[in-house]
Amino acid sequence: MPKEKKIPLRTCIACREEKPKKEMLRVVKNAAGEMNLDFSGKLPGRGAYICNSEACVKKLGKYKLLNKAFSADVPAEIYARIEEEFLGSK
């Protein structure tokens, strides 16, 4: 009998819903403090996950949720870049 493969779940930092990791966008902060959108899900560093929905991406910037997730000040251009990359990739 084959063992069922577990689907990794992650919690969205905007809506707090648990969803499969593959359906989420990952924002990663590396050791140098740089932040990037991680489409592969494999970049090293601290990750925060956000739903693949426009509402959650907008909420991310409005409430500065990455500041809380990474316990650091996140520059406004990071939020702008995430919104731009997300809305541009749709």
PDB file of N, CA and C in Angstrom:
ATOM      1  N   MET A   1       0.848  -1.181   0.000  1.00  0.00           N
ATOM      2  CA  MET A   1       0.000   0.000   0.000  1.00  0.00           C
ATOM      3  C   MET A   1       0.896   1.249   0.000  1.00  0.00           C
ATOM      4  N   PRO A   2       0.788   2.110  -1.064  1.00  0.00           N
ATOM      5  CA  PRO A   2       1.655   3.297  -1.126  1.00  0.00           C
ATOM      6  C   PRO A   2       1.257   4.319  -0.061  1.00  0.00           C
ATOM      7  N   LYS A   3       2.270   4.920   0.516  1.00  0.00           N
ATOM      8  CA  LYS A   3       2.044   5.910   1.562  1.00  0.00           C
ATOM      9  C   LYS A   3       1.616   7.226   0.902  1.00  0.00           C
ATOM     10  N   GLU A   4       0.604   7.856   1.458  1.00  0.00           N
ATOM     11  CA  GLU A   4       0.142   9.128   0.904  1.00  0.00           C
ATOM     12  C   GLU A   4       1.182  10.207   1.143  1.00  0.00           C
ATOM     13  N   LYS A   5       1.445  10.984   0.087  1.00  0.00           N
ATOM     14  CA  LYS A   5       2.415  12.057   0.205  1.00  0.00           C
ATOM     15  C   LYS A   5       1.754  13.262   0.875  1.00  0.00           C
ATOM     16  N   LYS A   6       2.392  13.770   1.924  1.00  0.00           N
ATOM     17  CA  LYS A   6       1.844  14.930   2.612  1.00  0.00           C
ATOM     18  C   LYS A   6       2.057  16.182   1.778  1.00  0.00           C
ATOM     19  N   ILE A   7       1.020  17.004   1.713  1.00  0.00           N
ATOM     20  CA  ILE A   7       1.131  18.271   1.000  1.00  0.00           C
ATOM     21  C   ILE A   7       1.505  19.333   2.026  1.00  0.00           C
ATOM     22  N   PRO A   8       2.662  19.995   1.832  1.00  0.00           N
ATOM     23  CA  PRO A   8       3.054  21.015   2.814  1.00  0.00           C
ATOM     24  C   PRO A   8       2.096  22.213   2.772  1.00  0.00           C
ATOM     25  N   LEU A   9       1.601  22.603   3.935  1.00  0.00           N
ATOM     26  CA  LEU A   9       0.703  23.747   4.039  1.00  0.00           C
ATOM     27  C   LEU A   9       1.454  24.930   4.628  1.00  0.00           C
ATOM     28  N   ARG A  10       1.104  26.116   4.193  1.00  0.00           N
ATOM     29  CA  ARG A  10       1.691  27.340   4.733  1.00  0.00           C
ATOM     30  C   ARG A  10       0.556  28.319   5.030  1.00  0.00           C
ATOM     31  N   THR A  11       0.791  29.203   5.980  1.00  0.00           N
ATOM     32  CA  THR A  11      -0.217  30.190   6.362  1.00  0.00           C
ATOM     33  C   THR A  11       0.096  31.529   5.707  1.00  0.00           C
ATOM     34  N   CYS A  12      -0.919  32.104   5.080  1.00  0.00           N
ATOM     35  CA  CYS A  12      -0.778  33.419   4.451  1.00  0.00           C
ATOM     36  C   CYS A  12      -0.651  34.475   5.544  1.00  0.00           C
ATOM     37  N   ILE A  13       0.321  35.380   5.405  1.00  0.00           N
ATOM     38  CA  ILE A  13       0.499  36.410   6.442  1.00  0.00           C
ATOM     39  C   ILE A  13      -0.555  37.514   6.337  1.00  0.00           C
ATOM     40  N   ALA A  14      -1.322  37.543   5.243  1.00  0.00           N
ATOM     41  CA  ALA A  14      -2.355  38.567   5.088  1.00  0.00           C
ATOM     42  C   ALA A  14      -3.719  38.080   5.590  1.00  0.00           C
ATOM     43  N   CYS A  15      -4.172  36.909   5.102  1.00  0.00           N
ATOM     44  CA  CYS A  15      -5.518  36.444   5.483  1.00  0.00           C
ATOM     45  C   CYS A  15      -5.496  35.327   6.523  1.00  0.00           C
ATOM     46  N   ARG A  16      -4.304  34.823   6.882  1.00  0.00           N
ATOM     47  CA  ARG A  16      -4.105  33.778   7.888  1.00  0.00           C
ATOM     48  C   ARG A  16      -4.710  32.430   7.497  1.00  0.00           C
ATOM     49  N   GLU A  17      -4.999  32.227   6.205  1.00  0.00           N
ATOM     50  CA  GLU A  17      -5.536  30.942   5.757  1.00  0.00           C
ATOM     51  C   GLU A  17      -4.402  29.990   5.428  1.00  0.00           C
ATOM     52  N   GLU A  18      -4.603  28.709   5.743  1.00  0.00           N
ATOM     53  CA  GLU A  18      -3.611  27.699   5.390  1.00  0.00           C
ATOM     54  C   GLU A  18      -3.928  27.174   4.004  1.00  0.00           C
ATOM     55  N   LYS A  19      -2.920  27.154   3.151  1.00  0.00           N
ATOM     56  CA  LYS A  19      -3.092  26.657   1.791  1.00  0.00           C
ATOM     57  C   LYS A  19      -1.864  25.849   1.403  1.00  0.00           C
ATOM     58  N   PRO A  20      -1.982  25.007   0.363  1.00  0.00           N
ATOM     59  CA  PRO A  20      -0.801  24.270  -0.098  1.00  0.00           C
ATOM     60  C   PRO A  20       0.314  25.225  -0.514  1.00  0.00           C
ATOM     61  N   LYS A  21       1.534  24.866  -0.171  1.00  0.00           N
ATOM     62  CA  LYS A  21       2.709  25.694  -0.430  1.00  0.00           C
ATOM     63  C   LYS A  21       2.819  26.106  -1.896  1.00  0.00           C
ATOM     64  N   LYS A  22       2.468  25.192  -2.806  1.00  0.00           N
ATOM     65  CA  LYS A  22       2.601  25.470  -4.238  1.00  0.00           C
ATOM     66  C   LYS A  22       1.683  26.597  -4.721  1.00  0.00           C
ATOM     67  N   GLU A  23       0.604  26.850  -3.986  1.00  0.00           N
ATOM     68  CA  GLU A  23      -0.351  27.894  -4.386  1.00  0.00           C
ATOM     69  C   GLU A  23       0.012  29.268  -3.817  1.00  0.00           C
ATOM     70  N   MET A  24       1.083  29.336  -3.055  1.00  0.00           N
ATOM     71  CA  MET A  24       1.423  30.583  -2.368  1.00  0.00           C
ATOM     72  C   MET A  24       2.642  31.255  -2.999  1.00  0.00           C
ATOM     73  N   LEU A  25       2.744  32.563  -2.774  1.00  0.00           N
ATOM     74  CA  LEU A  25       3.941  33.306  -3.150  1.00  0.00           C
ATOM     75  C   LEU A  25       4.827  33.357  -1.912  1.00  0.00           C
ATOM     76  N   ARG A  26       6.128  33.180  -2.098  1.00  0.00           N
ATOM     77  CA  ARG A  26       7.051  33.241  -0.965  1.00  0.00           C
ATOM     78  C   ARG A  26       7.908  34.492  -1.092  1.00  0.00           C
ATOM     79  N   VAL A  27       7.966  35.244  -0.028  1.00  0.00           N
ATOM     80  CA  VAL A  27       8.865  36.395   0.048  1.00  0.00           C
ATOM     81  C   VAL A  27       9.981  35.958   0.973  1.00  0.00           C
ATOM     82  N   VAL A  28      11.227  36.105   0.518  1.00  0.00           N
ATOM     83  CA  VAL A  28      12.348  35.599   1.303  1.00  0.00           C
ATOM     84  C   VAL A  28      13.296  36.732   1.672  1.00  0.00           C
ATOM     85  N   LYS A  29      13.813  36.663   2.896  1.00  0.00           N
ATOM     86  CA  LYS A  29      14.822  37.616   3.362  1.00  0.00           C
ATOM     87  C   LYS A  29      16.087  36.809   3.610  1.00  0.00           C
ATOM     88  N   ASN A  30      17.140  37.112   2.858  1.00  0.00           N
ATOM     89  CA  ASN A  30      18.379  36.335   3.010  1.00  0.00           C
ATOM     90  C   ASN A  30      19.264  36.908   4.120  1.00  0.00           C
ATOM     91  N   ALA A  31      20.405  36.276   4.331  1.00  0.00           N
ATOM     92  CA  ALA A  31      21.310  36.663   5.422  1.00  0.00           C
ATOM     93  C   ALA A  31      21.792  38.106   5.292  1.00  0.00           C
ATOM     94  N   ALA A  32      21.884  38.596   4.053  1.00  0.00           N
ATOM     95  CA  ALA A  32      22.339  39.972   3.827  1.00  0.00           C
ATOM     96  C   ALA A  32      21.217  40.977   4.059  1.00  0.00           C
ATOM     97  N   GLY A  33      20.012  40.477   4.315  1.00  0.00           N
ATOM     98  CA  GLY A  33      18.887  41.374   4.564  1.00  0.00           C
ATOM     99  C   GLY A  33      18.140  41.772   3.308  1.00  0.00           C
ATOM    100  N   GLU A  34      18.505  41.184   2.157  1.00  0.00           N
ATOM    101  CA  GLU A  34      17.813  41.510   0.904  1.00  0.00           C
ATOM    102  C   GLU A  34      16.520  40.710   0.823  1.00  0.00           C
ATOM    103  N   MET A  35      15.493  41.319   0.256  1.00  0.00           N
ATOM    104  CA  MET A  35      14.214  40.626   0.125  1.00  0.00           C
ATOM    105  C   MET A  35      13.856  40.450  -1.340  1.00  0.00           C
ATOM    106  N   ASN A  36      13.333  39.273  -1.653  1.00  0.00           N
ATOM    107  CA  ASN A  36      12.951  38.950  -3.023  1.00  0.00           C
ATOM    108  C   ASN A  36      11.708  38.089  -3.030  1.00  0.00           C
ATOM    109  N   LEU A  37      11.017  38.105  -4.173  1.00  0.00           N
ATOM    110  CA  LEU A  37       9.939  37.139  -4.381  1.00  0.00           C
ATOM    111  C   LEU A  37      10.599  35.846  -4.805  1.00  0.00           C
ATOM    112  N   ASP A  38      10.230  34.763  -4.182  1.00  0.00           N
ATOM    113  CA  ASP A  38      10.843  33.465  -4.463  1.00  0.00           C
ATOM    114  C   ASP A  38       9.817  32.571  -5.157  1.00  0.00           C
ATOM    115  N   PHE A  39       9.891  32.531  -6.490  1.00  0.00           N
ATOM    116  CA  PHE A  39       8.923  31.739  -7.250  1.00  0.00           C
ATOM    117  C   PHE A  39       9.248  30.252  -7.190  1.00  0.00           C
ATOM    118  N   SER A  40      10.515  29.899  -6.956  1.00  0.00           N
ATOM    119  CA  SER A  40      10.906  28.486  -6.916  1.00  0.00           C
ATOM    120  C   SER A  40      10.612  27.868  -5.547  1.00  0.00           C
ATOM    121  N   GLY A  41      10.550  28.710  -4.502  1.00  0.00           N
ATOM    122  CA  GLY A  41      10.325  28.199  -3.157  1.00  0.00           C
ATOM    123  C   GLY A  41      11.563  27.565  -2.556  1.00  0.00           C
ATOM    124  N   LYS A  42      12.729  27.807  -3.165  1.00  0.00           N
ATOM    125  CA  LYS A  42      13.950  27.145  -2.720  1.00  0.00           C
ATOM    126  C   LYS A  42      15.079  28.095  -2.318  1.00  0.00           C
ATOM    127  N   LEU A  43      14.852  29.400  -2.409  1.00  0.00           N
ATOM    128  CA  LEU A  43      15.912  30.343  -2.045  1.00  0.00           C
ATOM    129  C   LEU A  43      16.202  30.229  -0.549  1.00  0.00           C
ATOM    130  N   PRO A  44      17.478  30.369  -0.166  1.00  0.00           N
ATOM    131  CA  PRO A  44      17.805  30.291   1.260  1.00  0.00           C
ATOM    132  C   PRO A  44      17.379  31.567   1.978  1.00  0.00           C
ATOM    133  N   GLY A  45      17.007  31.424   3.227  1.00  0.00           N
ATOM    134  CA  GLY A  45      16.639  32.591   4.025  1.00  0.00           C
ATOM    135  C   GLY A  45      15.293  32.393   4.685  1.00  0.00           C
ATOM    136  N   ARG A  46      14.879  33.422   5.397  1.00  0.00           N
ATOM    137  CA  ARG A  46      13.607  33.402   6.127  1.00  0.00           C
ATOM    138  C   ARG A  46      12.490  33.677   5.150  1.00  0.00           C
ATOM    139  N   GLY A  47      11.478  32.837   5.141  1.00  0.00           N
ATOM    140  CA  GLY A  47      10.385  32.999   4.198  1.00  0.00           C
ATOM    141  C   GLY A  47       9.088  33.403   4.860  1.00  0.00           C
ATOM    142  N   ALA A  48       8.311  34.171   4.137  1.00  0.00           N
ATOM    143  CA  ALA A  48       6.951  34.509   4.556  1.00  0.00           C
ATOM    144  C   ALA A  48       6.070  34.232   3.348  1.00  0.00           C
ATOM    145  N   TYR A  49       4.922  33.651   3.598  1.00  0.00           N
ATOM    146  CA  TYR A  49       4.058  33.245   2.496  1.00  0.00           C
ATOM    147  C   TYR A  49       2.836  34.133   2.402  1.00  0.00           C
ATOM    148  N   ILE A  50       2.404  34.348   1.145  1.00  0.00           N
ATOM    149  CA  ILE A  50       1.213  35.146   0.889  1.00  0.00           C
ATOM    150  C   ILE A  50       0.399  34.484  -0.211  1.00  0.00           C
ATOM    151  N   CYS A  51      -0.921  34.544  -0.070  1.00  0.00           N
ATOM    152  CA  CYS A  51      -1.815  33.943  -1.069  1.00  0.00           C
ATOM    153  C   CYS A  51      -1.539  34.543  -2.442  1.00  0.00           C
ATOM    154  N   ASN A  52      -1.904  33.767  -3.426  1.00  0.00           N
ATOM    155  CA  ASN A  52      -1.729  34.209  -4.801  1.00  0.00           C
ATOM    156  C   ASN A  52      -2.928  35.053  -5.232  1.00  0.00           C
ATOM    157  N   SER A  53      -3.447  35.890  -4.330  1.00  0.00           N
ATOM    158  CA  SER A  53      -4.614  36.705  -4.658  1.00  0.00           C
ATOM    159  C   SER A  53      -4.263  38.185  -4.546  1.00  0.00           C
ATOM    160  N   GLU A  54      -4.893  38.953  -5.396  1.00  0.00           N
ATOM    161  CA  GLU A  54      -4.621  40.394  -5.445  1.00  0.00           C
ATOM    162  C   GLU A  54      -4.971  41.065  -4.118  1.00  0.00           C
ATOM    163  N   ALA A  55      -6.063  40.628  -3.489  1.00  0.00           N
ATOM    164  CA  ALA A  55      -6.497  41.220  -2.221  1.00  0.00           C
ATOM    165  C   ALA A  55      -5.412  41.075  -1.152  1.00  0.00           C
ATOM    166  N   CYS A  56      -4.809  39.882  -1.086  1.00  0.00           N
ATOM    167  CA  CYS A  56      -3.771  39.659  -0.070  1.00  0.00           C
ATOM    168  C   CYS A  56      -2.504  40.456  -0.373  1.00  0.00           C
ATOM    169  N   VAL A  57      -2.154  40.570  -1.652  1.00  0.00           N
ATOM    170  CA  VAL A  57      -0.966  41.341  -2.020  1.00  0.00           C
ATOM    171  C   VAL A  57      -1.168  42.820  -1.674  1.00  0.00           C
ATOM    172  N   LYS A  58      -2.377  43.333  -1.901  1.00  0.00           N
ATOM    173  CA  LYS A  58      -2.666  44.732  -1.553  1.00  0.00           C
ATOM    174  C   LYS A  58      -2.650  44.927  -0.039  1.00  0.00           C
ATOM    175  N   LYS A  59      -3.207  43.957   0.709  1.00  0.00           N
ATOM    176  CA  LYS A  59      -3.240  44.027   2.169  1.00  0.00           C
ATOM    177  C   LYS A  59      -1.816  44.008   2.737  1.00  0.00           C
ATOM    178  N   LEU A  60      -0.939  43.257   2.081  1.00  0.00           N
ATOM    179  CA  LEU A  60       0.461  43.144   2.488  1.00  0.00           C
ATOM    180  C   LEU A  60       1.099  44.527   2.579  1.00  0.00           C
ATOM    181  N   GLY A  61       0.911  45.338   1.539  1.00  0.00           N
ATOM    182  CA  GLY A  61       1.485  46.680   1.516  1.00  0.00           C
ATOM    183  C   GLY A  61       0.762  47.640   2.440  1.00  0.00           C
ATOM    184  N   LYS A  62      -0.563  47.561   2.465  1.00  0.00           N
ATOM    185  CA  LYS A  62      -1.362  48.487   3.266  1.00  0.00           C
ATOM    186  C   LYS A  62      -1.026  48.403   4.746  1.00  0.00           C
ATOM    187  N   TYR A  63      -0.870  47.170   5.251  1.00  0.00           N
ATOM    188  CA  TYR A  63      -0.613  46.991   6.680  1.00  0.00           C
ATOM    189  C   TYR A  63       0.850  46.701   7.002  1.00  0.00           C
ATOM    190  N   LYS A  64       1.713  46.783   6.002  1.00  0.00           N
ATOM    191  CA  LYS A  64       3.158  46.551   6.198  1.00  0.00           C
ATOM    192  C   LYS A  64       3.404  45.212   6.915  1.00  0.00           C
ATOM    193  N   LEU A  65       2.804  44.158   6.395  1.00  0.00           N
ATOM    194  CA  LEU A  65       2.848  42.848   7.058  1.00  0.00           C
ATOM    195  C   LEU A  65       4.233  42.214   7.050  1.00  0.00           C
ATOM    196  N   LEU A  66       5.068  42.556   6.082  1.00  0.00           N
ATOM    197  CA  LEU A  66       6.419  41.984   6.061  1.00  0.00           C
ATOM    198  C   LEU A  66       7.248  42.505   7.232  1.00  0.00           C
ATOM    199  N   ASN A  67       6.980  43.733   7.678  1.00  0.00           N
ATOM    200  CA  ASN A  67       7.694  44.272   8.840  1.00  0.00           C
ATOM    201  C   ASN A  67       7.474  43.358  10.040  1.00  0.00           C
ATOM    202  N   LYS A  68       6.243  42.887  10.206  1.00  0.00           N
ATOM    203  CA  LYS A  68       5.926  41.998  11.334  1.00  0.00           C
ATOM    204  C   LYS A  68       6.539  40.616  11.121  1.00  0.00           C
ATOM    205  N   ALA A  69       6.419  40.097   9.892  1.00  0.00           N
ATOM    206  CA  ALA A  69       6.893  38.743   9.607  1.00  0.00           C
ATOM    207  C   ALA A  69       8.407  38.627   9.788  1.00  0.00           C
ATOM    208  N   PHE A  70       9.140  39.656   9.387  1.00  0.00           N
ATOM    209  CA  PHE A  70      10.601  39.600   9.452  1.00  0.00           C
ATOM    210  C   PHE A  70      11.174  40.380  10.632  1.00  0.00           C
ATOM    211  N   SER A  71      10.320  40.965  11.465  1.00  0.00           N
ATOM    212  CA  SER A  71      10.752  41.784  12.607  1.00  0.00           C
ATOM    213  C   SER A  71      11.816  42.795  12.190  1.00  0.00           C
ATOM    214  N   ALA A  72      11.554  43.461  11.088  1.00  0.00           N
ATOM    215  CA  ALA A  72      12.505  44.447  10.563  1.00  0.00           C
ATOM    216  C   ALA A  72      11.749  45.491   9.762  1.00  0.00           C
ATOM    217  N   ASP A  73      12.352  46.656   9.579  1.00  0.00           N
ATOM    218  CA  ASP A  73      11.753  47.666   8.722  1.00  0.00           C
ATOM    219  C   ASP A  73      11.957  47.262   7.273  1.00  0.00           C
ATOM    220  N   VAL A  74      10.862  47.176   6.547  1.00  0.00           N
ATOM    221  CA  VAL A  74      10.927  46.802   5.147  1.00  0.00           C
ATOM    222  C   VAL A  74      10.675  48.063   4.329  1.00  0.00           C
ATOM    223  N   PRO A  75      11.633  48.425   3.451  1.00  0.00           N
ATOM    224  CA  PRO A  75      11.461  49.642   2.656  1.00  0.00           C
ATOM    225  C   PRO A  75      10.216  49.580   1.765  1.00  0.00           C
ATOM    226  N   ALA A  76       9.607  50.738   1.527  1.00  0.00           N
ATOM    227  CA  ALA A  76       8.385  50.815   0.715  1.00  0.00           C
ATOM    228  C   ALA A  76       8.607  50.261  -0.686  1.00  0.00           C
ATOM    229  N   GLU A  77       9.835  50.411  -1.209  1.00  0.00           N
ATOM    230  CA  GLU A  77      10.075  49.920  -2.577  1.00  0.00           C
ATOM    231  C   GLU A  77       9.981  48.395  -2.675  1.00  0.00           C
ATOM    232  N   ILE A  78      10.220  47.700  -1.565  1.00  0.00           N
ATOM    233  CA  ILE A  78      10.066  46.235  -1.564  1.00  0.00           C
ATOM    234  C   ILE A  78       8.589  45.889  -1.772  1.00  0.00           C
ATOM    235  N   TYR A  79       7.719  46.578  -1.039  1.00  0.00           N
ATOM    236  CA  TYR A  79       6.283  46.340  -1.195  1.00  0.00           C
ATOM    237  C   TYR A  79       5.847  46.685  -2.625  1.00  0.00           C
ATOM    238  N   ALA A  80       6.359  47.806  -3.136  1.00  0.00           N
ATOM    239  CA  ALA A  80       6.001  48.225  -4.498  1.00  0.00           C
ATOM    240  C   ALA A  80       6.466  47.189  -5.510  1.00  0.00           C
ATOM    241  N   ARG A  81       7.689  46.653  -5.304  1.00  0.00           N
ATOM    242  CA  ARG A  81       8.229  45.660  -6.238  1.00  0.00           C
ATOM    243  C   ARG A  81       7.422  44.362  -6.199  1.00  0.00           C
ATOM    244  N   ILE A  82       7.018  43.961  -5.004  1.00  0.00           N
ATOM    245  CA  ILE A  82       6.216  42.742  -4.872  1.00  0.00           C
ATOM    246  C   ILE A  82       4.881  42.924  -5.592  1.00  0.00           C
ATOM    247  N   GLU A  83       4.238  44.067  -5.352  1.00  0.00           N
ATOM    248  CA  GLU A  83       2.959  44.334  -6.007  1.00  0.00           C
ATOM    249  C   GLU A  83       3.129  44.373  -7.524  1.00  0.00           C
ATOM    250  N   GLU A  84       4.178  45.046  -7.969  1.00  0.00           N
ATOM    251  CA  GLU A  84       4.458  45.169  -9.404  1.00  0.00           C
ATOM    252  C   GLU A  84       4.744  43.798 -10.028  1.00  0.00           C
ATOM    253  N   GLU A  85       5.601  43.009  -9.373  1.00  0.00           N
ATOM    254  CA  GLU A  85       5.936  41.679  -9.896  1.00  0.00           C
ATOM    255  C   GLU A  85       4.720  40.775  -9.895  1.00  0.00           C
ATOM    256  N   PHE A  86       3.923  40.849  -8.826  1.00  0.00           N
ATOM    257  CA  PHE A  86       2.745  39.983  -8.739  1.00  0.00           C
ATOM    258  C   PHE A  86       1.711  40.370  -9.773  1.00  0.00           C
ATOM    259  N   LEU A  87       1.378  41.653  -9.828  1.00  0.00           N
ATOM    260  CA  LEU A  87       0.341  42.099 -10.755  1.00  0.00           C
ATOM    261  C   LEU A  87       0.821  41.991 -12.197  1.00  0.00           C
ATOM    262  N   GLY A  88       2.136  42.133 -12.393  1.00  0.00           N
ATOM    263  CA  GLY A  88       2.694  41.997 -13.733  1.00  0.00           C
ATOM    264  C   GLY A  88       2.753  40.549 -14.191  1.00  0.00           C
ATOM    265  N   SER A  89       2.850  39.606 -13.236  1.00  0.00           N
ATOM    266  CA  SER A  89       2.994  38.196 -13.612  1.00  0.00           C
ATOM    267  C   SER A  89       1.657  37.504 -13.820  1.00  0.00           C
ATOM    268  N   LYS A  90       0.571  38.224 -13.562  1.00  0.00           N
ATOM    269  CA  LYS A  90      -0.766  37.608 -13.715  1.00  0.00           C
ATOM    270  C   LYS A  90      -1.166  37.567 -15.168  1.00  0.00           C
TER     271      LYS A  90
END
